[in-house]
């Protein structure tokens, strides 16, 4: 009986702890592609999409913003809409422009995220939401191309790490209401 209970507990934990699959799919001096995916449990695509777009400031990490406050971020999910950030004194940043939207299914944005803006580079961030019974599979692909004196491939791993963190935060936010998992919160100094 104890073994059966233990096996059931392990099976439940395995189902709840959906890992992120992150990969630098390719890289070259003139660009790279990162591909990240996860399953968000007990949330249909409509719920995931709404939180992805309309609550970006609640799950995106403030450490990866210009203003140091993720609540200054917004996504206007329509063609030519802006993934933007408000800055003090009327300033702002356009991180990306929405180029394709299929609510609850697909969001495609074009732009150079973060430190890539200082180079002659741009990228296409594609976010796909697929229903899986009561869950949603989310895949994020960011393909970047252009010019950097040291080559863009040096940015592949850091960009992969940041986007993996953001997708993990989105998953945690949708599943628990908090972008930081209890395990991650315990690791913080």
Protein backbone atom coordinates (compact mmCIF):
# COMPACT_ATOMS: atom_id res chain seq x y z
CA UNK A 1 0.00 0.00 0.00
CA UNK A 2 2.83 2.43 0.86
CA UNK A 3 4.59 1.67 -2.42
CA UNK A 4 1.39 2.32 -4.33
CA UNK A 5 0.91 5.67 -2.57
CA UNK A 6 4.54 6.62 -3.26
CA UNK A 7 4.23 5.71 -6.94
CA UNK A 8 1.03 7.74 -7.21
CA UNK A 9 2.72 10.75 -5.60
CA UNK A 10 5.67 10.50 -8.00
CA UNK A 11 3.31 10.25 -10.99
CA UNK A 12 1.35 13.30 -9.86
CA UNK A 13 4.54 15.32 -9.32
CA UNK A 14 5.83 14.34 -12.76
CA UNK A 15 2.60 15.57 -14.31
CA UNK A 16 2.70 18.87 -12.41
CA UNK A 17 6.34 19.69 -13.06
CA UNK A 18 6.25 20.31 -16.81
CA UNK A 19 9.82 21.07 -17.80
CA UNK A 20 10.84 23.76 -20.22
CA UNK A 21 12.50 22.49 -23.35
CA UNK A 22 14.96 25.15 -24.47
CA UNK A 23 17.45 24.96 -27.29
CA UNK A 24 19.65 27.17 -29.40
CA UNK A 25 18.39 25.63 -32.63
CA UNK A 26 21.11 27.18 -34.79
CA UNK A 27 23.69 29.94 -34.73
CA UNK A 28 26.07 31.68 -37.10
CA UNK A 29 27.93 35.01 -37.14
CA UNK A 30 24.93 36.65 -38.81
CA UNK A 31 22.22 35.26 -36.52
CA UNK A 32 20.67 32.52 -34.45
CA UNK A 33 17.39 30.81 -33.59
CA UNK A 34 16.21 29.80 -30.13
CA UNK A 35 13.30 27.44 -29.56
CA UNK A 36 11.61 27.03 -26.18
CA UNK A 37 8.50 25.09 -25.30
CA UNK A 38 6.49 24.05 -22.28
CA UNK A 39 3.10 22.78 -21.26
CA UNK A 40 0.95 25.01 -19.11
CA UNK A 41 -1.27 22.77 -16.98
CA UNK A 42 -5.00 23.18 -16.45
CA UNK A 43 -5.30 26.26 -18.67
CA UNK A 44 -6.86 26.38 -22.13
CA UNK A 45 -5.24 28.55 -24.85
CA UNK A 46 -7.80 31.34 -24.23
CA UNK A 47 -6.59 31.76 -20.63
CA UNK A 48 -2.90 31.50 -21.55
CA UNK A 49 -3.25 34.00 -24.41
CA UNK A 50 -5.12 36.53 -22.26
CA UNK A 51 -2.43 36.42 -19.57
CA UNK A 52 0.39 36.41 -22.13
CA UNK A 53 -0.87 39.57 -23.80
CA UNK A 54 -2.97 41.52 -21.30
CA UNK A 55 -0.95 40.76 -18.15
CA UNK A 56 2.61 40.90 -19.52
CA UNK A 57 3.68 43.17 -16.65
CA UNK A 58 2.57 40.57 -14.12
CA UNK A 59 4.78 37.74 -15.40
CA UNK A 60 7.71 39.34 -17.29
CA UNK A 61 10.79 39.87 -15.12
CA UNK A 62 11.48 43.51 -14.23
CA UNK A 63 15.19 42.66 -14.41
CA UNK A 64 14.77 42.38 -18.18
CA UNK A 65 13.25 45.80 -18.79
CA UNK A 66 14.75 49.21 -19.43
CA UNK A 67 12.65 50.87 -16.70
CA UNK A 68 13.25 48.08 -14.15
CA UNK A 69 9.47 47.73 -13.82
CA UNK A 70 7.69 45.11 -15.91
CA UNK A 71 4.37 46.87 -15.27
CA UNK A 72 5.53 49.48 -17.79
CA UNK A 73 5.26 46.80 -20.53
CA UNK A 74 2.27 46.36 -22.80
CA UNK A 75 1.37 44.30 -25.86
CA UNK A 76 -1.17 45.69 -28.32
CA UNK A 77 -2.20 42.45 -30.03
CA UNK A 78 -3.19 43.69 -33.48
CA UNK A 79 -1.18 44.05 -36.68
CA UNK A 80 1.25 46.97 -36.26
CA UNK A 81 0.57 46.86 -32.51
CA UNK A 82 3.44 47.45 -30.16
CA UNK A 83 5.24 45.39 -27.53
CA UNK A 84 6.28 48.58 -25.78
CA UNK A 85 7.59 49.91 -22.50
CA UNK A 86 6.79 53.27 -20.96
CA UNK A 87 9.72 55.29 -19.62
CA UNK A 88 9.71 58.38 -17.40
CA UNK A 89 9.04 61.86 -18.83
CA UNK A 90 7.07 60.54 -21.80
CA UNK A 91 9.84 58.26 -23.06
CA UNK A 92 9.43 54.72 -24.27
CA UNK A 93 10.87 51.67 -25.97
CA UNK A 94 9.40 49.69 -28.85
CA UNK A 95 10.72 46.19 -28.21
CA UNK A 96 8.80 44.65 -31.11
CA UNK A 97 5.93 45.21 -33.52
CA UNK A 98 3.07 42.75 -33.85
CA UNK A 99 3.06 41.45 -37.41
CA UNK A 100 0.56 38.59 -37.09
CA UNK A 101 -2.06 37.70 -34.56
CA UNK A 102 -4.51 34.85 -34.32
CA UNK A 103 -5.99 35.24 -30.82
CA UNK A 104 -5.60 32.17 -28.62
CA UNK A 105 -3.38 30.49 -31.25
CA UNK A 106 -0.51 32.63 -32.54
CA UNK A 107 1.33 35.87 -31.88
CA UNK A 108 4.22 36.95 -34.14
CA UNK A 109 6.30 40.04 -33.38
CA UNK A 110 9.28 41.57 -35.15
CA UNK A 111 12.02 43.42 -33.32
CA UNK A 112 15.37 43.39 -31.59
CA UNK A 113 14.81 42.54 -27.95
CA UNK A 114 16.94 43.94 -25.15
CA UNK A 115 20.61 44.52 -25.91
CA UNK A 116 20.15 43.44 -29.53
CA UNK A 117 18.66 46.89 -30.23
CA UNK A 118 22.12 48.46 -30.30
CA UNK A 119 23.18 46.33 -33.28
CA UNK A 120 22.06 46.21 -36.88
CA UNK A 121 19.84 43.26 -35.99
CA UNK A 122 16.22 42.29 -35.83
CA UNK A 123 14.32 39.17 -34.99
CA UNK A 124 10.98 37.47 -35.34
CA UNK A 125 9.43 36.14 -32.13
CA UNK A 126 6.74 33.55 -32.82
CA UNK A 127 4.57 32.29 -29.98
CA UNK A 128 2.31 29.34 -30.76
CA UNK A 129 -0.40 28.06 -28.40
CA UNK A 130 -1.76 24.55 -28.95
CA UNK A 131 -4.59 22.97 -26.94
CA UNK A 132 -3.76 19.68 -25.26
CA UNK A 133 -6.89 18.41 -23.52
CA UNK A 134 -7.17 20.80 -20.52
CA UNK A 135 -3.61 22.09 -20.96
CA UNK A 136 -1.81 24.34 -23.47
CA UNK A 137 1.49 23.67 -25.17
CA UNK A 138 3.37 26.93 -25.74
CA UNK A 139 6.26 27.17 -28.17
CA UNK A 140 8.38 30.31 -28.47
CA UNK A 141 10.78 30.67 -31.41
CA UNK A 142 13.00 33.73 -31.79
CA UNK A 143 14.97 33.97 -35.04
CA UNK A 144 17.50 36.82 -35.10
CA UNK A 145 19.58 38.07 -38.01
CA UNK A 146 21.77 41.05 -38.81
CA UNK A 147 25.14 42.51 -37.97
CA UNK A 148 27.21 42.81 -34.82
CA UNK A 149 30.98 43.46 -34.83
CA UNK A 150 31.61 40.28 -32.79
CA UNK A 151 28.93 38.26 -34.59
CA UNK A 152 25.41 37.65 -33.36
CA UNK A 153 26.06 34.04 -32.40
CA UNK A 154 27.59 35.20 -29.09
CA UNK A 155 24.10 36.38 -28.11
CA UNK A 156 22.36 33.04 -28.74
CA UNK A 157 22.92 31.52 -25.30
CA UNK A 158 22.09 34.67 -23.28
CA UNK A 159 18.92 35.32 -25.31
CA UNK A 160 17.91 31.67 -24.93
CA UNK A 161 18.41 31.95 -21.16
CA UNK A 162 16.33 35.13 -20.85
CA UNK A 163 13.45 33.88 -23.01
CA UNK A 164 13.47 30.53 -21.20
CA UNK A 165 13.15 32.41 -17.92
CA UNK A 166 10.25 34.49 -19.28
CA UNK A 167 8.34 31.45 -20.57
CA UNK A 168 8.87 29.73 -17.22
CA UNK A 169 7.53 32.80 -15.45
CA UNK A 170 4.48 32.87 -17.75
CA UNK A 171 3.83 29.19 -17.03
CA UNK A 172 4.12 29.72 -13.29
CA UNK A 173 1.92 32.83 -13.43
CA UNK A 174 -0.85 31.05 -15.33
CA UNK A 175 -0.69 27.91 -13.16
CA UNK A 176 -0.24 29.51 -9.71
CA UNK A 177 -0.94 33.24 -9.97
CA UNK A 178 2.72 34.01 -9.22
CA UNK A 179 5.48 34.31 -11.83
CA UNK A 180 8.00 32.88 -9.39
CA UNK A 181 7.73 29.25 -8.38
CA UNK A 182 8.11 28.48 -4.65
CA UNK A 183 11.35 26.59 -5.39
CA UNK A 184 12.79 29.59 -7.28
CA UNK A 185 11.70 31.99 -4.53
CA UNK A 186 13.58 29.91 -1.96
CA UNK A 187 16.78 30.13 -4.04
CA UNK A 188 16.78 33.94 -4.14
CA UNK A 189 19.20 35.68 -1.73
